[in-house]
Amino acid sequence: MFMKVYKQDEYLMLSGIQHFAFCKRQWALIHIENLWQDNYHTAIGNVFHEKVHDAASAEKRGNVIISRAMPVHSSTLGISGECDVVEFHLDKNGVKIKGREGTYIPYPIEYKKGAPKKTDIDILQLVAQAMCLEEMFCCDVNRGYLFYGQTRHREKIEVTQKLKDKVTDIIQQMHMLFKRGHTPKVKPSKSCSLCSLNDLCLPVLCKNKSAREYIEKMINEG
């Protein structure tokens, strides 16, 4: 079976998977039209992640090597990004790590400011990170962890083939829309009130033009 390999200049942002799973239009506004607007939730989330990345880039605790803000990528998925934390656990079935004795298996840990969500958008982002690590280190990464700031609890997530297939399908859709430069319309829902782009999105949601064109028109008429 032929597998497409993406060039680096074709890579999409790994973090966009969460945006896309939440709302395809939100993803397109951010990643195609290059629009962004912070709200309370995104500002708090930024501070939370800065604290996670504030420590040394790598440290060792017993049989675990901890790497923070670690860049990851996948040429077969065509994505790149950064893991909040990757823990390399000493394991006889693992892989060699340069400058370290023994073999290790990497597990991604994603930090979120709030509480666990009813949807799987956080899980999909984590699974995408695991898929990148599998490709980079040529090993099986069968789990990862989500740490929520509100509960102060780490949740173990099993990386299943079903979740991998869903991530792959989402990323293929992202590439298709990005290549077309298309911002899709969506039906307004209760979730819109949680979106930081609500004010930029809704005024033009039912009109046949982009949010960027709308904003530029308002500026020129001002």
Protein backbone atom coordinates (compact mmCIF):
# COMPACT_ATOMS: atom_id res chain seq x y z
CA MET A 1 0.00 0.00 0.00
CA PHE A 2 1.38 3.40 -1.03
CA MET A 3 1.89 5.78 1.88
CA LYS A 4 2.23 9.51 1.21
CA VAL A 5 5.25 11.17 2.75
CA TYR A 6 4.89 14.91 3.39
CA LYS A 7 7.64 17.46 2.98
CA GLN A 8 8.42 19.67 5.95
CA ASP A 9 6.87 22.73 4.30
CA GLU A 10 3.61 20.77 4.04
CA TYR A 11 3.42 19.97 7.75
CA LEU A 12 0.38 21.23 9.65
CA MET A 13 0.36 22.11 13.34
CA LEU A 14 -0.29 19.10 15.57
CA SER A 15 -2.23 21.30 18.01
CA GLY A 16 -4.70 22.01 15.21
CA ILE A 17 -6.18 18.52 15.67
CA GLN A 18 -7.88 19.70 18.85
CA HIS A 19 -9.21 22.81 17.08
CA PHE A 20 -10.48 20.71 14.17
CA ALA A 21 -12.17 18.14 16.41
CA PHE A 22 -13.86 20.97 18.33
CA CYS A 23 -14.95 22.86 15.21
CA LYS A 24 -13.71 22.63 11.62
CA ARG A 25 -14.48 26.31 11.10
CA GLN A 26 -12.48 27.35 14.15
CA TRP A 27 -9.51 25.36 12.85
CA ALA A 28 -9.76 27.01 9.42
CA LEU A 29 -10.03 30.52 10.88
CA ILE A 30 -6.85 29.93 12.87
CA HIS A 31 -4.76 27.85 10.49
CA ILE A 32 -5.95 29.00 7.06
CA GLU A 33 -7.08 32.60 7.66
CA ASN A 34 -4.48 33.20 10.41
CA LEU A 35 -6.96 34.70 12.85
CA TRP A 36 -6.67 34.45 16.61
CA GLN A 37 -8.29 36.16 19.57
CA ASP A 38 -7.59 35.32 23.21
CA ASN A 39 -10.32 35.00 25.79
CA TYR A 40 -10.15 34.19 29.50
CA HIS A 41 -9.83 30.44 28.91
CA THR A 42 -7.05 30.68 26.32
CA ALA A 43 -5.12 33.20 28.44
CA ILE A 44 -5.25 30.95 31.51
CA GLY A 45 -4.27 27.98 29.36
CA ASN A 46 -1.21 29.84 28.05
CA VAL A 47 -0.04 30.63 31.58
CA PHE A 48 -0.58 27.01 32.63
CA HIS A 49 1.56 25.70 29.76
CA GLU A 50 4.29 28.27 30.39
CA LYS A 51 4.63 26.90 33.94
CA VAL A 52 4.92 23.36 32.60
CA HIS A 53 7.71 24.40 30.21
CA ASP A 54 9.50 26.61 32.73
CA ALA A 55 11.69 23.85 34.19
CA ALA A 56 14.84 22.33 32.72
CA SER A 57 14.37 20.72 29.31
CA ALA A 58 15.32 17.25 30.60
CA GLU A 59 15.89 15.49 33.91
CA LYS A 60 16.07 11.93 35.26
CA ARG A 61 14.04 10.53 38.13
CA GLY A 62 14.90 6.93 38.88
CA ASN A 63 14.20 4.91 35.75
CA VAL A 64 12.34 7.75 34.03
CA ILE A 65 13.84 10.48 31.82
CA ILE A 66 11.60 13.55 31.64
CA SER A 67 11.79 15.80 28.58
CA ARG A 68 9.78 19.06 28.49
CA ALA A 69 8.60 21.05 25.47
CA MET A 70 9.85 18.31 23.18
CA PRO A 71 9.45 18.88 19.40
CA VAL A 72 7.76 16.01 17.55
CA HIS A 73 6.74 15.36 13.96
CA SER A 74 5.43 12.77 11.54
CA SER A 75 6.21 12.77 7.83
CA THR A 76 3.47 10.22 7.11
CA LEU A 77 0.81 12.32 8.86
CA GLY A 78 2.31 15.63 7.78
CA ILE A 79 2.21 17.27 11.21
CA SER A 80 4.65 18.77 13.68
CA GLY A 81 4.36 20.27 17.11
CA GLU A 82 5.48 20.05 20.69
CA CYS A 83 4.71 17.71 23.57
CA ASP A 84 4.31 19.38 26.96
CA VAL A 85 6.18 16.47 28.53
CA VAL A 86 7.54 13.15 27.28
CA GLU A 87 8.53 10.53 29.84
CA PHE A 88 11.01 7.90 28.71
CA HIS A 89 10.46 4.80 30.86
CA LEU A 90 13.21 2.20 31.22
CA ASP A 91 11.91 -0.92 29.47
CA LYS A 92 13.60 -4.01 28.06
CA ASN A 93 11.33 -3.73 25.00
CA GLY A 94 12.24 -0.10 24.42
CA VAL A 95 14.73 1.68 22.19
CA LYS A 96 18.17 3.15 22.79
CA ILE A 97 18.42 6.82 23.75
CA LYS A 98 21.64 8.59 22.80
CA GLY A 99 23.85 9.16 25.84
CA ARG A 100 21.75 6.93 28.11
CA GLU A 101 22.22 3.38 29.31
CA GLY A 102 19.44 0.87 28.77
CA THR A 103 16.39 1.05 26.50
CA TYR A 104 13.33 3.26 26.93
CA ILE A 105 9.75 3.70 25.71
CA PRO A 106 8.43 7.28 25.36
CA TYR A 107 5.03 8.28 26.72
CA PRO A 108 3.49 11.71 26.01
CA ILE A 109 1.88 13.76 28.80
CA GLU A 110 -0.39 16.62 27.79
CA TYR A 111 -1.31 19.30 30.35
CA LYS A 112 -4.74 20.97 30.29
CA LYS A 113 -5.82 23.80 32.58
CA GLY A 114 -9.42 22.68 33.21
CA ALA A 115 -11.26 19.46 33.93
CA PRO A 116 -11.67 16.33 31.76
CA LYS A 117 -13.94 16.97 28.77
CA LYS A 118 -16.99 14.99 27.70
CA THR A 119 -15.60 14.88 24.16
CA ASP A 120 -12.42 13.18 22.97
CA ILE A 121 -10.65 16.28 21.59
CA ASP A 122 -7.89 16.20 24.23
CA ILE A 123 -7.44 12.46 23.72
CA LEU A 124 -7.06 12.86 19.95
CA GLN A 125 -4.32 15.45 20.40
CA LEU A 126 -2.49 13.10 22.78
CA VAL A 127 -2.85 10.15 20.39
CA ALA A 128 -1.39 12.26 17.58
CA GLN A 129 1.62 12.95 19.80
CA ALA A 130 1.99 9.22 20.49
CA MET A 131 1.86 8.50 16.75
CA CYS A 132 4.64 11.02 16.15
CA LEU A 133 6.76 9.43 18.87
CA GLU A 134 6.18 5.97 17.37
CA GLU A 135 7.44 7.15 14.00
CA MET A 136 10.40 9.09 15.43
CA PHE A 137 11.65 6.31 17.72
CA CYS A 138 10.45 3.26 15.75
CA CYS A 139 8.62 1.76 18.72
CA ASP A 140 5.09 1.09 19.94
CA VAL A 141 3.62 3.79 22.19
CA ASN A 142 0.50 2.20 23.63
CA ARG A 143 -0.43 4.84 26.16
CA GLY A 144 -0.15 8.47 27.18
CA TYR A 145 -1.45 10.70 29.96
CA LEU A 146 -3.64 13.78 30.30
CA PHE A 147 -3.02 15.96 33.34
CA TYR A 148 -5.82 18.38 34.25
CA GLY A 149 -5.08 21.48 36.31
CA GLN A 150 -8.54 21.61 37.87
CA THR A 151 -8.49 18.06 39.21
CA ARG A 152 -4.69 17.86 39.66
CA HIS A 153 -5.00 14.31 38.40
CA ARG A 154 -3.24 12.41 35.63
CA GLU A 155 -5.48 10.24 33.44
CA LYS A 156 -4.06 7.25 31.61
CA ILE A 157 -5.15 7.03 27.97
CA GLU A 158 -4.79 3.82 25.97
CA VAL A 159 -3.62 4.48 22.41
CA THR A 160 -5.87 2.16 20.40
CA GLN A 161 -5.97 1.52 16.66
CA LYS A 162 -9.48 2.98 16.58
CA LEU A 163 -8.18 6.28 17.98
CA LYS A 164 -5.23 6.24 15.58
CA ASP A 165 -7.59 5.74 12.63
CA LYS A 166 -9.70 8.67 13.80
CA VAL A 167 -6.64 10.91 14.12
CA THR A 168 -5.46 9.88 10.65
CA ASP A 169 -8.87 10.67 9.15
CA ILE A 170 -8.98 14.09 10.83
CA ILE A 171 -5.49 15.00 9.63
CA GLN A 172 -6.33 13.96 6.07
CA GLN A 173 -9.36 16.28 6.18
CA MET A 174 -7.15 19.08 7.54
CA HIS A 175 -4.69 18.68 4.66
CA MET A 176 -7.51 18.65 2.13
CA LEU A 177 -9.07 21.89 3.43
CA PHE A 178 -5.69 23.57 3.85
CA LYS A 179 -4.70 22.74 0.28
CA ARG A 180 -7.99 24.20 -0.98
CA GLY A 181 -7.72 27.20 1.35
CA HIS A 182 -11.33 26.55 2.28
CA THR A 183 -13.04 27.75 5.49
CA PRO A 184 -16.16 25.60 5.97
CA LYS A 185 -19.45 26.80 7.35
CA VAL A 186 -20.91 25.12 10.42
CA LYS A 187 -24.21 25.22 12.23
CA PRO A 188 -24.05 27.49 15.32
CA SER A 189 -24.28 25.58 18.61
CA LYS A 190 -23.88 26.07 22.35
CA SER A 191 -20.16 25.38 21.91
CA CYS A 192 -19.81 28.69 20.04
CA SER A 193 -19.98 30.59 23.33
CA LEU A 194 -16.81 28.79 24.49
CA CYS A 195 -14.83 29.73 21.39
CA SER A 196 -12.35 32.60 21.55
CA LEU A 197 -13.14 33.39 17.90
CA ASN A 198 -16.87 33.74 18.50
CA ASP A 199 -16.90 37.47 17.76
CA LEU A 200 -14.91 37.03 14.55
CA CYS A 201 -16.76 33.98 13.29
CA LEU A 202 -20.49 34.51 13.80
CA PRO A 203 -20.97 37.84 11.97
CA VAL A 204 -19.97 36.19 8.69
CA LEU A 205 -20.98 32.60 9.35
CA CYS A 206 -23.88 32.69 6.90
CA LYS A 207 -22.25 34.95 4.31
CA ASN A 208 -20.23 33.75 1.36
CA LYS A 209 -16.92 35.35 2.34
CA SER A 210 -14.09 34.76 4.76
CA ALA A 211 -13.81 36.23 8.24
CA ARG A 212 -10.55 37.91 7.20
CA GLU A 213 -12.30 39.67 4.30
CA TYR A 214 -15.05 40.78 6.66
CA ILE A 215 -12.55 42.21 9.18
CA GLU A 216 -10.57 44.01 6.47
CA LYS A 217 -13.80 45.49 5.10
CA MET A 218 -14.81 46.76 8.55
CA ILE A 219 -11.36 48.32 9.05
CA ASN A 220 -11.43 50.04 5.66
CA GLU A 221 -14.91 51.42 6.30
CA GLY A 222 -13.97 52.62 9.79
